Amino acid sequence: MQVAVSETGGLGRRLEVTVPATEVSEEVKQRLGRLSRTARLKGFRPGKAPFAVVAKQFGEQVRAEVLSDLMRSSYTQALTQVNLKPAGGPRIEPLSMQSGADLRYAALIEVLPEVKVNSPDGLRVERPTATVTEADLDAMIENMRRQRPVFTTVERAAGDSDRVIVDYQARIGGKAFEGSDAADISVILGSRQAMPELEEGLKGATAGEQRTINAAFPATHPNKTLAGKSAELLLSIKRVEEQSLPPVDEEFCRAYGVEDGSLAQMRVEVRKSMERELDELVRGRLRAQVLDALYKANPLELPRSMVDEETQQLQVQAARRMGVREASQLPPREPFEEAARRRVALGLLMGQIVQASGLKSDPARVATRLDELVASYPNPEEARRAYEQSPDAMRQIESAALEDQVVEWVVERAHITERPMSFSEVTGFGRDAHEHEHTHEHEHEQASGT
């Protein structure tokens, strides 16, 4: 087998591969021989047809299969022969496929770049340092009170933060439709969780009052009859409830999973959860800085095929988050290209660090990372079994754990500056408490064993 390599620009390579005609004809002959021992042809007993008859009947088909198989196997051998590492699959161009002649084809590929990682000694990284203070703890418990408000019926007009319980009938063009009526709908005024028209229409409402409003339903509304349409809503206000914060008593503590209802124990559990969140965010910030510094300090020429593949993955992920499943409705690729380039480059750089430094997957780190993942589930042990039974999921966890080792390897060698910060500066808690309410409630309940 002969292989000639030429550059096609950048990381592009063209391999011209020649497989001798004798090798092609010998493989065709052997396959026809095996086929003749089992072939069923009219006028002959199974396996008794003459070779010449079998060759005439099946020769073209067998030759086509042989050429396809030889191109696949010889391509792999050709890469080894010329010591090339492809970045993706080849584009094959047949050059000569005639019977009795050498098999010749071209394989167009991109190769992986030569990756050299500069010494991390010159990298500068900031490590946030923060602690959970008593004031932070008080603020978090106050936020937890806001997550579990107490509602009390009042005999007055509904105002901001009040909860209004309402029945409604929807009409399109004056006509009812299936699923048009709803009972005991709960709307908290000012929460922006209901349609703007509904919230506005309930301001100043009192129990027993009837109101009619017009509302435009979004195209994404789950009721297909309403989606993207305007409807008339006939409202029946059942009651108005005033919102207040619950006392921090035994009942409140038990609601967050503290079985004995002890406030002291609850503060211990909440502090643990806050410290865990703080630690994760500090590690995340440090990791992000390390990866950003690596990327900027080690520019690489990247294979277009790898960038295209990563871009498409990011497009698909974004589409799924938006509820889109059709390939024709993927978002434009341009906004994802730089992120894709960064991912590809960092993958190559981190792979080189692993290879050059001799880092190995650490089972203890993998176990710790799995513990952290399952801790956020309602049933951690069930989640653990699901992860452990999925080879793909475990490979992802192992890869993430190995990436952590690479980050630590860089941190040990880079120039680290400690930057004192407060809990709220690191976590963002307090800037917009509403953004964090659900997350904190979930985490604190998990920390308390619920």
Protein backbone atom coordinates (compact mmCIF):
# COMPACT_ATOMS: atom_id res chain seq x y z
CA MET A 1 0.00 0.00 0.00
CA GLN A 2 1.28 3.42 -0.96
CA VAL A 3 0.37 6.67 0.82
CA ALA A 4 1.17 10.21 -0.30
CA VAL A 5 0.40 13.19 1.97
CA SER A 6 -0.03 16.82 0.97
CA GLU A 7 -1.14 19.90 2.93
CA THR A 8 -4.35 21.63 1.91
CA GLY A 9 -4.01 24.68 4.16
CA GLY A 10 -3.95 25.05 7.92
CA LEU A 11 -4.57 21.68 9.53
CA GLY A 12 -5.97 20.18 6.33
CA ARG A 13 -4.27 17.14 4.83
CA ARG A 14 -4.90 15.09 1.68
CA LEU A 15 -3.92 11.43 1.74
CA GLU A 16 -3.73 9.64 -1.61
CA VAL A 17 -3.88 5.92 -0.93
CA THR A 18 -3.12 3.18 -3.43
CA VAL A 19 -4.11 -0.45 -2.75
CA PRO A 20 -2.54 -2.90 -5.27
CA ALA A 21 -4.91 -4.53 -7.74
CA THR A 22 -3.61 -7.95 -6.67
CA GLU A 23 -4.82 -7.35 -3.10
CA VAL A 24 -8.23 -6.29 -4.38
CA SER A 25 -8.63 -9.27 -6.71
CA GLU A 26 -7.41 -11.74 -4.07
CA GLU A 27 -9.96 -10.46 -1.53
CA VAL A 28 -12.74 -10.63 -4.15
CA LYS A 29 -11.72 -14.19 -5.04
CA GLN A 30 -11.72 -15.32 -1.40
CA ARG A 31 -15.14 -13.85 -0.70
CA LEU A 32 -16.64 -15.38 -3.84
CA GLY A 33 -15.13 -18.71 -2.81
CA ARG A 34 -16.80 -18.54 0.58
CA LEU A 35 -20.05 -17.46 -1.05
CA SER A 36 -19.97 -20.35 -3.53
CA ARG A 37 -20.13 -22.84 -0.66
CA THR A 38 -23.51 -21.51 0.49
CA ALA A 39 -25.03 -19.74 -2.53
CA ARG A 40 -28.46 -20.87 -3.73
CA LEU A 41 -28.76 -20.56 -7.52
CA LYS A 42 -31.55 -21.86 -9.73
CA GLY A 43 -30.62 -25.21 -11.25
CA PHE A 44 -27.94 -26.06 -8.68
CA ARG A 45 -28.02 -27.64 -5.25
CA PRO A 46 -26.98 -25.25 -2.43
CA GLY A 47 -23.23 -24.80 -2.48
CA LYS A 48 -22.77 -26.78 -5.76
CA ALA A 49 -22.89 -23.96 -8.30
CA PRO A 50 -19.62 -23.59 -10.29
CA PHE A 51 -17.34 -20.75 -9.20
CA ALA A 52 -17.67 -19.07 -12.62
CA VAL A 53 -21.48 -18.98 -12.29
CA VAL A 54 -21.26 -17.55 -8.76
CA ALA A 55 -18.74 -14.93 -9.96
CA LYS A 56 -21.01 -13.90 -12.82
CA GLN A 57 -24.05 -13.65 -10.53
CA PHE A 58 -22.46 -11.93 -7.53
CA GLY A 59 -19.12 -10.56 -8.80
CA GLU A 60 -20.08 -6.87 -9.06
CA GLN A 61 -21.82 -6.85 -5.68
CA VAL A 62 -18.90 -8.57 -3.93
CA ARG A 63 -16.36 -6.29 -5.60
CA ALA A 64 -18.26 -3.19 -4.44
CA GLU A 65 -18.31 -4.53 -0.86
CA VAL A 66 -14.58 -5.33 -1.01
CA LEU A 67 -13.71 -1.84 -2.29
CA SER A 68 -15.74 -0.25 0.50
CA ASP A 69 -14.15 -2.44 3.18
CA LEU A 70 -10.64 -1.95 1.80
CA MET A 71 -11.00 1.82 1.77
CA ARG A 72 -12.08 1.72 5.41
CA SER A 73 -9.32 -0.62 6.60
CA SER A 74 -6.57 0.87 4.43
CA TYR A 75 -7.43 4.39 5.63
CA THR A 76 -6.74 3.34 9.23
CA GLN A 77 -3.46 1.70 8.15
CA ALA A 78 -2.51 4.79 6.13
CA LEU A 79 -2.90 7.06 9.18
CA THR A 80 -0.55 4.82 11.16
CA GLN A 81 1.91 4.62 8.27
CA VAL A 82 2.26 8.40 7.96
CA ASN A 83 1.77 9.06 11.70
CA LEU A 84 -1.21 11.42 11.46
CA LYS A 85 -3.85 12.00 14.16
CA PRO A 86 -7.15 13.04 12.56
CA ALA A 87 -9.44 15.52 14.27
CA GLY A 88 -12.52 13.89 12.77
CA GLY A 89 -13.74 11.53 10.09
CA PRO A 90 -12.41 11.69 6.51
CA ARG A 91 -14.08 12.85 3.32
CA ILE A 92 -13.34 10.13 0.77
CA GLU A 93 -12.89 10.87 -2.94
CA PRO A 94 -12.55 7.75 -5.17
CA LEU A 95 -9.85 8.20 -7.81
CA SER A 96 -9.69 4.78 -9.48
CA MET A 97 -12.17 1.94 -8.96
CA GLN A 98 -11.85 0.06 -12.27
CA SER A 99 -11.73 -3.72 -12.30
CA GLY A 100 -8.21 -5.05 -12.71
CA ALA A 101 -6.61 -1.72 -11.70
CA ASP A 102 -5.19 -0.50 -8.39
CA LEU A 103 -7.71 0.92 -5.96
CA ARG A 104 -6.91 4.61 -5.56
CA TYR A 105 -8.70 7.16 -3.42
CA ALA A 106 -8.08 10.43 -1.59
CA ALA A 107 -8.95 11.00 2.06
CA LEU A 108 -9.38 14.64 3.05
CA ILE A 109 -8.93 15.21 6.78
CA GLU A 110 -8.00 17.75 9.41
CA VAL A 111 -5.29 16.77 11.87
CA LEU A 112 -5.02 17.61 15.54
CA PRO A 113 -2.71 20.56 16.18
CA GLU A 114 0.56 20.19 18.02
CA VAL A 115 -0.35 21.26 21.55
CA LYS A 116 2.26 22.89 23.76
CA VAL A 117 1.21 24.34 27.10
CA ASN A 118 3.28 27.24 28.33
CA SER A 119 4.45 27.10 31.93
CA PRO A 120 1.63 28.25 34.25
CA ASP A 121 4.14 30.12 36.44
CA GLY A 122 3.19 33.43 34.84
CA LEU A 123 -0.57 33.00 35.19
CA ARG A 124 -2.23 35.35 37.68
CA VAL A 125 -5.40 34.19 39.42
CA GLU A 126 -7.53 35.67 42.22
CA ARG A 127 -8.92 33.37 44.89
CA PRO A 128 -11.96 34.81 46.74
CA THR A 129 -11.87 34.32 50.51
CA ALA A 130 -15.07 34.68 52.53
CA THR A 131 -16.79 33.33 55.62
CA VAL A 132 -20.42 32.97 56.69
CA THR A 133 -21.07 35.54 59.42
CA GLU A 134 -23.93 35.64 61.92
CA ALA A 135 -25.41 38.52 59.93
CA ASP A 136 -25.31 36.38 56.76
CA LEU A 137 -27.03 33.57 58.64
CA ASP A 138 -29.72 35.93 59.96
CA ALA A 139 -30.34 37.27 56.46
CA MET A 140 -30.66 33.75 55.06
CA ILE A 141 -33.20 32.71 57.71
CA GLU A 142 -35.16 35.90 57.00
CA ASN A 143 -35.14 34.92 53.33
CA MET A 144 -36.38 31.44 54.28
CA ARG A 145 -39.27 33.09 56.14
CA ARG A 146 -40.20 34.89 52.90
CA GLN A 147 -40.28 31.53 51.13
CA ARG A 148 -43.02 30.25 53.46
CA PRO A 149 -45.38 33.19 53.97
CA VAL A 150 -48.55 32.91 56.01
CA PHE A 151 -51.78 34.01 54.29
CA THR A 152 -54.75 35.27 56.32
CA THR A 153 -58.16 36.12 54.88
CA VAL A 154 -58.99 39.84 55.08
CA GLU A 155 -62.16 41.83 54.36
CA ARG A 156 -60.66 44.61 52.24
CA ALA A 157 -59.57 45.40 48.69
CA ALA A 158 -56.62 43.46 47.32
CA GLY A 159 -53.29 45.26 47.23
CA ASP A 160 -49.65 44.52 46.43
CA SER A 161 -48.36 41.21 47.90
CA ASP A 162 -51.91 40.03 48.71
CA ARG A 163 -53.05 36.63 47.45
CA VAL A 164 -56.34 36.58 45.58
CA ILE A 165 -58.25 33.32 45.12
CA VAL A 166 -60.39 33.48 41.99
CA ASP A 167 -62.49 31.37 39.63
CA TYR A 168 -62.57 32.35 35.99
CA GLN A 169 -64.34 31.51 32.76
CA ALA A 170 -62.53 32.17 29.49
CA ARG A 171 -64.43 33.07 26.35
CA ILE A 172 -63.11 33.47 22.80
CA GLY A 173 -65.51 35.36 20.60
CA GLY A 174 -68.07 35.06 23.36
CA LYS A 175 -67.98 31.26 23.27
CA ALA A 176 -66.74 28.78 25.88
CA PHE A 177 -64.47 25.88 24.92
CA GLU A 178 -63.11 22.73 26.51
CA GLY A 179 -60.93 23.60 29.51
CA SER A 180 -62.09 27.22 29.50
CA ASP A 181 -63.12 27.27 33.15
CA ALA A 182 -60.75 27.19 36.12
CA ALA A 183 -61.46 27.20 39.85
CA ASP A 184 -59.48 28.34 42.90
CA ILE A 185 -56.72 30.01 40.94
CA SER A 186 -54.19 31.65 43.28
CA VAL A 187 -52.62 34.96 42.21
CA ILE A 188 -50.14 36.92 44.34
CA LEU A 189 -50.28 40.53 43.25
CA GLY A 190 -46.89 41.98 42.37
CA SER A 191 -45.23 38.58 42.01
CA ARG A 192 -45.30 38.68 38.20
CA GLN A 193 -46.11 34.97 38.17
CA ALA A 194 -49.48 35.38 36.48
CA MET A 195 -50.42 37.13 33.22
CA PRO A 196 -49.98 40.91 33.55
CA GLU A 197 -53.61 41.51 32.54
CA LEU A 198 -54.83 39.15 35.27
CA GLU A 199 -52.72 40.79 37.99
CA GLU A 200 -53.78 44.25 36.89
CA GLY A 201 -57.42 43.18 36.72
CA LEU A 202 -57.38 41.91 40.30
CA LYS A 203 -55.95 45.04 41.90
CA GLY A 204 -58.45 46.52 44.32
CA ALA A 205 -60.75 43.50 44.05
CA THR A 206 -62.86 42.39 47.02
CA ALA A 207 -64.35 39.02 47.92
CA GLY A 208 -67.64 38.32 46.11
CA GLU A 209 -66.90 40.80 43.32
CA GLN A 210 -67.32 39.91 39.62
CA ARG A 211 -64.97 41.40 37.03
CA THR A 212 -64.36 40.99 33.31
CA ILE A 213 -60.98 41.55 31.66
CA ASN A 214 -59.38 40.95 28.27
CA ALA A 215 -56.15 38.94 28.14
CA ALA A 216 -53.68 37.95 25.42
CA PHE A 217 -52.34 34.43 25.96
CA PRO A 218 -48.73 33.66 24.95
CA ALA A 219 -48.04 31.31 22.06
CA THR A 220 -46.38 28.92 24.53
CA HIS A 221 -49.51 28.56 26.70
CA PRO A 222 -50.12 24.83 27.48
CA ASN A 223 -53.78 25.09 26.46
CA LYS A 224 -53.57 24.99 22.65
CA THR A 225 -57.01 26.57 22.35
CA LEU A 226 -55.74 29.67 24.16
CA ALA A 227 -52.16 29.75 22.85
CA GLY A 228 -51.50 32.96 20.93
CA LYS A 229 -55.08 34.18 21.20
CA SER A 230 -56.98 36.94 23.00
CA ALA A 231 -59.79 35.95 25.33
CA GLU A 232 -62.33 37.50 27.66
CA LEU A 233 -61.98 36.37 31.29
CA LEU A 234 -65.00 36.45 33.59
CA LEU A 235 -63.57 36.63 37.12
CA SER A 236 -65.26 35.62 40.36
CA ILE A 237 -63.22 36.82 43.34
CA LYS A 238 -63.60 34.30 46.19
CA ARG A 239 -61.33 35.81 48.84
CA VAL A 240 -58.43 38.14 49.49
CA GLU A 241 -55.58 37.00 51.74
CA GLU A 242 -52.95 39.14 53.42
CA GLN A 243 -49.37 37.93 53.43
CA SER A 244 -47.18 37.91 56.56
CA LEU A 245 -43.97 36.23 57.62
CA PRO A 246 -44.16 33.16 59.85
CA PRO A 247 -42.59 33.17 63.33
CA VAL A 248 -39.31 31.28 63.62
CA ASP A 249 -40.73 28.65 65.94
CA GLU A 250 -40.64 24.85 66.21
CA GLU A 251 -43.19 24.45 63.42
CA PHE A 252 -41.13 26.64 61.12
CA CYS A 253 -37.93 24.68 61.87
CA ARG A 254 -39.67 21.34 61.29
CA ALA A 255 -40.92 22.62 57.92
CA TYR A 256 -37.26 22.83 56.91
CA GLY A 257 -36.50 19.32 58.07
CA VAL A 258 -35.23 19.91 61.61
CA GLU A 259 -37.03 17.07 63.39
CA ASP A 260 -36.74 18.35 66.96
CA GLY A 261 -37.84 21.88 65.94
CA SER A 262 -34.72 23.41 67.49
CA LEU A 263 -33.75 26.83 66.18
CA ALA A 264 -30.15 26.25 67.28
CA GLN A 265 -29.99 23.04 65.23
CA MET A 266 -31.61 24.76 62.30
CA ARG A 267 -28.95 27.49 62.36
CA VAL A 268 -26.28 24.76 62.35
CA GLU A 269 -27.85 23.07 59.30
CA VAL A 270 -28.37 26.32 57.41
CA ARG A 271 -24.80 27.42 58.11
CA LYS A 272 -23.50 24.08 56.77
CA SER A 273 -25.52 24.55 53.60
CA MET A 274 -24.31 28.14 53.16
CA GLU A 275 -20.69 27.12 53.73
CA ARG A 276 -21.06 24.31 51.19
CA GLU A 277 -22.53 26.73 48.65
CA LEU A 278 -19.77 29.25 49.38
CA ASP A 279 -17.08 26.63 48.94
CA GLU A 280 -18.56 25.46 45.63
CA LEU A 281 -18.79 29.01 44.29
CA VAL A 282 -15.21 29.87 45.33
CA ARG A 283 -13.99 26.73 43.59
CA GLY A 284 -16.09 27.60 40.57
CA ARG A 285 -14.69 31.13 40.36
CA LEU A 286 -11.14 29.85 40.73
CA ARG A 287 -11.73 27.20 38.07
CA ALA A 288 -13.22 29.73 35.64
CA GLN A 289 -10.22 32.05 36.07
CA VAL A 290 -7.74 29.20 35.58
CA LEU A 291 -9.44 28.01 32.39
CA ASP A 292 -9.71 31.56 31.06
CA ALA A 293 -6.01 32.18 31.78
CA LEU A 294 -5.01 28.88 30.12
CA TYR A 295 -7.06 29.70 27.04
CA LYS A 296 -5.61 33.19 26.63
CA ALA A 297 -2.01 32.16 27.33
CA ASN A 298 -1.98 29.21 24.90
CA PRO A 299 -3.49 30.13 21.52
CA LEU A 300 -4.09 27.16 19.22
CA GLU A 301 -5.01 26.61 15.60
CA LEU A 302 -8.19 24.55 15.88
CA PRO A 303 -9.67 21.96 13.50
CA ARG A 304 -12.75 23.40 11.86
CA SER A 305 -14.54 20.06 12.12
CA MET A 306 -14.16 19.96 15.91
CA VAL A 307 -15.37 23.54 16.29
CA ASP A 308 -18.36 22.84 14.01
CA GLU A 309 -19.31 19.74 16.00
CA GLU A 310 -19.05 21.58 19.34
CA THR A 311 -21.03 24.54 17.95
CA GLN A 312 -23.82 22.21 16.89
CA GLN A 313 -23.91 20.60 20.33
CA LEU A 314 -24.29 24.04 21.93
CA GLN A 315 -27.07 24.90 19.47
CA VAL A 316 -28.92 21.68 20.32
CA GLN A 317 -28.54 22.27 24.06
CA ALA A 318 -29.89 25.81 23.71
CA ALA A 319 -32.80 24.56 21.61
CA ARG A 320 -33.71 21.93 24.21
CA ARG A 321 -33.71 24.57 26.95
CA MET A 322 -36.21 26.52 24.84
CA GLY A 323 -38.34 23.43 24.31
CA VAL A 324 -37.39 23.11 20.62
CA ARG A 325 -36.94 19.59 19.26
CA GLU A 326 -36.94 20.15 15.48
CA ALA A 327 -33.47 20.35 13.86
CA SER A 328 -34.81 22.95 11.41
CA GLN A 329 -35.55 25.30 14.34
CA LEU A 330 -32.06 25.39 15.85
CA PRO A 331 -30.90 28.90 16.83
CA PRO A 332 -28.25 30.58 14.59
CA ARG A 333 -24.74 29.19 15.03
CA GLU A 334 -22.84 32.48 15.18
CA PRO A 335 -23.53 33.27 18.88
CA PHE A 336 -22.13 29.85 19.88
CA GLU A 337 -18.95 29.75 17.80
CA GLU A 338 -16.62 31.50 20.26
CA ALA A 339 -17.81 29.35 23.16
CA ALA A 340 -17.28 26.29 20.97
CA ARG A 341 -13.74 27.37 20.08
CA ARG A 342 -12.99 27.89 23.76
CA ARG A 343 -14.31 24.44 24.69
CA VAL A 344 -12.34 22.70 21.96
CA ALA A 345 -9.13 24.56 22.82
CA LEU A 346 -9.45 23.89 26.55
CA GLY A 347 -10.16 20.23 25.88
CA LEU A 348 -6.91 19.94 23.90
CA LEU A 349 -4.91 21.95 26.44
CA MET A 350 -6.18 20.00 29.43
CA GLY A 351 -5.61 16.72 27.63
CA GLN A 352 -2.00 17.73 27.01
CA ILE A 353 -1.52 18.65 30.69
CA VAL A 354 -2.93 15.27 31.75
CA GLN A 355 -0.59 13.46 29.39
CA ALA A 356 2.53 15.52 30.13
CA SER A 357 2.08 15.59 33.91
CA GLY A 358 1.02 11.96 34.22
CA LEU A 359 -2.25 12.78 36.00
CA LYS A 360 -4.54 9.78 36.51
CA SER A 361 -8.21 9.53 37.40
CA ASP A 362 -8.52 9.43 41.19
CA PRO A 363 -11.33 7.09 42.42
CA ALA A 364 -11.63 9.05 45.68
CA ARG A 365 -12.25 12.30 43.78
CA VAL A 366 -14.80 10.60 41.54
CA ALA A 367 -16.61 9.30 44.64
CA THR A 368 -16.59 12.77 46.22
CA ARG A 369 -17.95 14.37 43.07
CA LEU A 370 -20.69 11.74 42.89
CA ASP A 371 -21.55 12.43 46.56
CA GLU A 372 -21.91 16.14 45.77
CA LEU A 373 -24.16 15.43 42.79
CA VAL A 374 -26.56 13.05 44.53
CA ALA A 375 -26.80 15.23 47.65
CA SER A 376 -29.12 17.62 45.77
CA TYR A 377 -31.68 14.87 44.99
CA PRO A 378 -34.69 14.05 47.19
CA ASN A 379 -33.49 10.43 47.34
CA PRO A 380 -29.67 10.50 47.19
CA GLU A 381 -29.19 6.73 47.29
CA GLU A 382 -31.62 6.15 44.45
CA ALA A 383 -29.86 8.86 42.43
CA ARG A 384 -26.49 7.25 43.21
CA ARG A 385 -27.65 3.89 41.86
CA ALA A 386 -28.94 5.54 38.69
CA TYR A 387 -25.59 7.26 38.10
CA GLU A 388 -23.57 4.13 38.84
CA GLN A 389 -25.67 2.10 36.39
CA SER A 390 -25.02 4.59 33.57
CA PRO A 391 -21.53 4.21 32.00
CA ASP A 392 -21.94 7.52 30.13
CA ALA A 393 -22.86 9.42 33.29
CA MET A 394 -19.95 7.92 35.22
CA ARG A 395 -17.53 8.78 32.39
CA GLN A 396 -18.70 12.39 32.57
CA ILE A 397 -18.16 12.43 36.34
CA GLU A 398 -14.68 10.91 35.95
CA SER A 399 -13.84 13.49 33.27
CA ALA A 400 -15.02 16.34 35.51
CA ALA A 401 -12.97 14.98 38.44
CA LEU A 402 -9.89 14.78 36.22
CA GLU A 403 -10.48 18.37 35.10
CA ASP A 404 -10.51 19.37 38.77
CA GLN A 405 -7.07 17.76 39.12
CA VAL A 406 -5.81 19.75 36.13
CA VAL A 407 -7.11 22.98 37.66
CA GLU A 408 -5.37 22.17 40.95
CA TRP A 409 -2.17 21.36 39.05
CA VAL A 410 -2.28 24.83 37.45
CA VAL A 411 -3.22 26.56 40.74
CA GLU A 412 -0.20 24.99 42.47
CA ARG A 413 2.07 26.62 39.90
CA ALA A 414 0.29 29.90 39.11
CA HIS A 415 0.56 33.18 41.00
CA ILE A 416 -2.45 33.27 43.35
CA THR A 417 -3.71 36.46 45.01
CA GLU A 418 -6.19 36.18 47.88
CA ARG A 419 -9.15 38.57 47.56
CA PRO A 420 -11.27 39.03 50.72
CA MET A 421 -14.99 39.17 49.92
CA SER A 422 -18.28 38.90 51.77
CA PHE A 423 -20.69 35.98 51.46
CA SER A 424 -23.13 38.13 49.50
CA GLU A 425 -20.40 39.32 47.09
CA VAL A 426 -19.41 35.74 46.29
CA THR A 427 -22.90 34.25 46.10
CA GLY A 428 -24.91 37.23 44.89
CA PHE A 429 -27.34 36.65 47.75
CA GLY A 430 -29.02 39.89 48.72
CA ARG A 431 -28.70 41.60 45.32
CA ASP A 432 -31.87 39.88 44.17
CA ALA A 433 -33.12 37.54 46.84
CA HIS A 434 -36.02 36.37 44.68
CA GLU A 435 -33.61 34.79 42.20
CA HIS A 436 -32.14 32.66 44.96
CA GLU A 437 -35.22 31.75 46.98
CA HIS A 438 -36.02 28.47 45.30
CA THR A 439 -32.39 27.36 45.19
CA HIS A 440 -31.77 28.09 48.86
CA GLU A 441 -35.02 26.49 49.99
CA HIS A 442 -34.15 23.32 48.12
CA GLU A 443 -30.58 23.20 49.38
CA HIS A 444 -31.47 23.85 53.00
CA GLU A 445 -34.16 21.20 52.98
CA GLN A 446 -31.63 18.75 51.55
CA ALA A 447 -29.08 19.73 54.20
CA SER A 448 -31.67 18.94 56.85
CA GLY A 449 -32.40 15.54 55.37
CA THR A 450 -35.76 16.15 53.72
